[in-house]
Amino acid sequence: MKKINVLFFSLAIVTVVCMMLIGIAIAIGSLIGIILASLATILVMGFSFSMKKKMRNSGRL
């Protein structure tokens, strides 16, 4: 059984929450909310992928 990486799990949860916020903003009809939630989703996912690449290259993953 693989060990759970808490950092990546928490980043995944934050990404899912940001995606849910996009849906909430669409339901409310807030263009600013849609833009901010989309931007937050892109930033968190990008940070996660870059962190995973750095860890893989350094041999820690």
Protein backbone atom coordinates (compact mmCIF):
# COMPACT_ATOMS: atom_id res chain seq x y z
CA MET A 1 0.00 0.00 0.00
CA LYS A 2 1.35 3.39 -0.96
CA LYS A 3 1.92 6.11 1.61
CA ILE A 4 -0.39 9.10 1.21
CA ASN A 5 1.39 12.37 0.52
CA VAL A 6 -0.49 14.86 2.69
CA LEU A 7 0.80 17.91 0.82
CA PHE A 8 -0.43 16.73 -2.57
CA PHE A 9 -3.70 15.53 -1.07
CA SER A 10 -4.36 18.95 0.47
CA LEU A 11 -3.50 20.70 -2.81
CA ALA A 12 -5.94 18.39 -4.61
CA ILE A 13 -8.66 19.27 -2.10
CA VAL A 14 -7.99 23.00 -2.58
CA THR A 15 -8.21 22.53 -6.36
CA VAL A 16 -11.55 20.73 -6.06
CA VAL A 17 -12.89 23.48 -3.80
CA CYS A 18 -11.84 26.09 -6.37
CA MET A 19 -13.65 24.14 -9.08
CA MET A 20 -16.76 24.01 -6.89
CA LEU A 21 -16.51 27.77 -6.45
CA ILE A 22 -16.65 28.15 -10.23
CA GLY A 23 -19.99 26.32 -10.23
CA ILE A 24 -21.30 28.41 -7.36
CA ALA A 25 -20.24 31.61 -9.11
CA ILE A 26 -22.00 30.47 -12.30
CA ALA A 27 -25.17 29.73 -10.32
CA ILE A 28 -25.04 33.16 -8.69
CA GLY A 29 -24.20 34.82 -11.99
CA SER A 30 -21.08 36.57 -10.75
CA LEU A 31 -18.63 37.17 -13.57
CA ILE A 32 -15.95 38.37 -11.15
CA GLY A 33 -16.42 35.22 -9.05
CA ILE A 34 -16.12 33.01 -12.12
CA ILE A 35 -12.91 34.74 -13.18
CA LEU A 36 -11.35 34.66 -9.70
CA ALA A 37 -12.28 31.02 -9.07
CA SER A 38 -10.97 30.00 -12.50
CA LEU A 39 -7.74 31.87 -11.91
CA ALA A 40 -7.35 30.27 -8.46
CA THR A 41 -7.92 26.82 -9.98
CA ILE A 42 -5.28 27.39 -12.64
CA LEU A 43 -2.78 28.75 -10.12
CA VAL A 44 -3.20 25.93 -7.60
CA MET A 45 -3.04 23.23 -10.30
CA GLY A 46 0.02 24.84 -11.87
CA PHE A 47 1.74 25.08 -8.51
CA SER A 48 0.95 21.43 -7.79
CA PHE A 49 2.29 20.20 -11.12
CA SER A 50 5.46 22.27 -10.84
CA MET A 51 6.06 21.03 -7.29
CA LYS A 52 5.55 17.43 -8.39
CA LYS A 53 8.03 17.87 -11.25
CA LYS A 54 10.65 19.38 -8.92
CA MET A 55 10.20 16.57 -6.41
CA ARG A 56 10.39 13.92 -9.14
CA ASN A 57 13.59 15.45 -10.55
CA SER A 58 15.20 15.60 -7.12
CA GLY A 59 14.31 11.98 -6.38
CA ARG A 60 11.99 12.67 -3.46
CA LEU A 61 8.91 11.34 -5.22
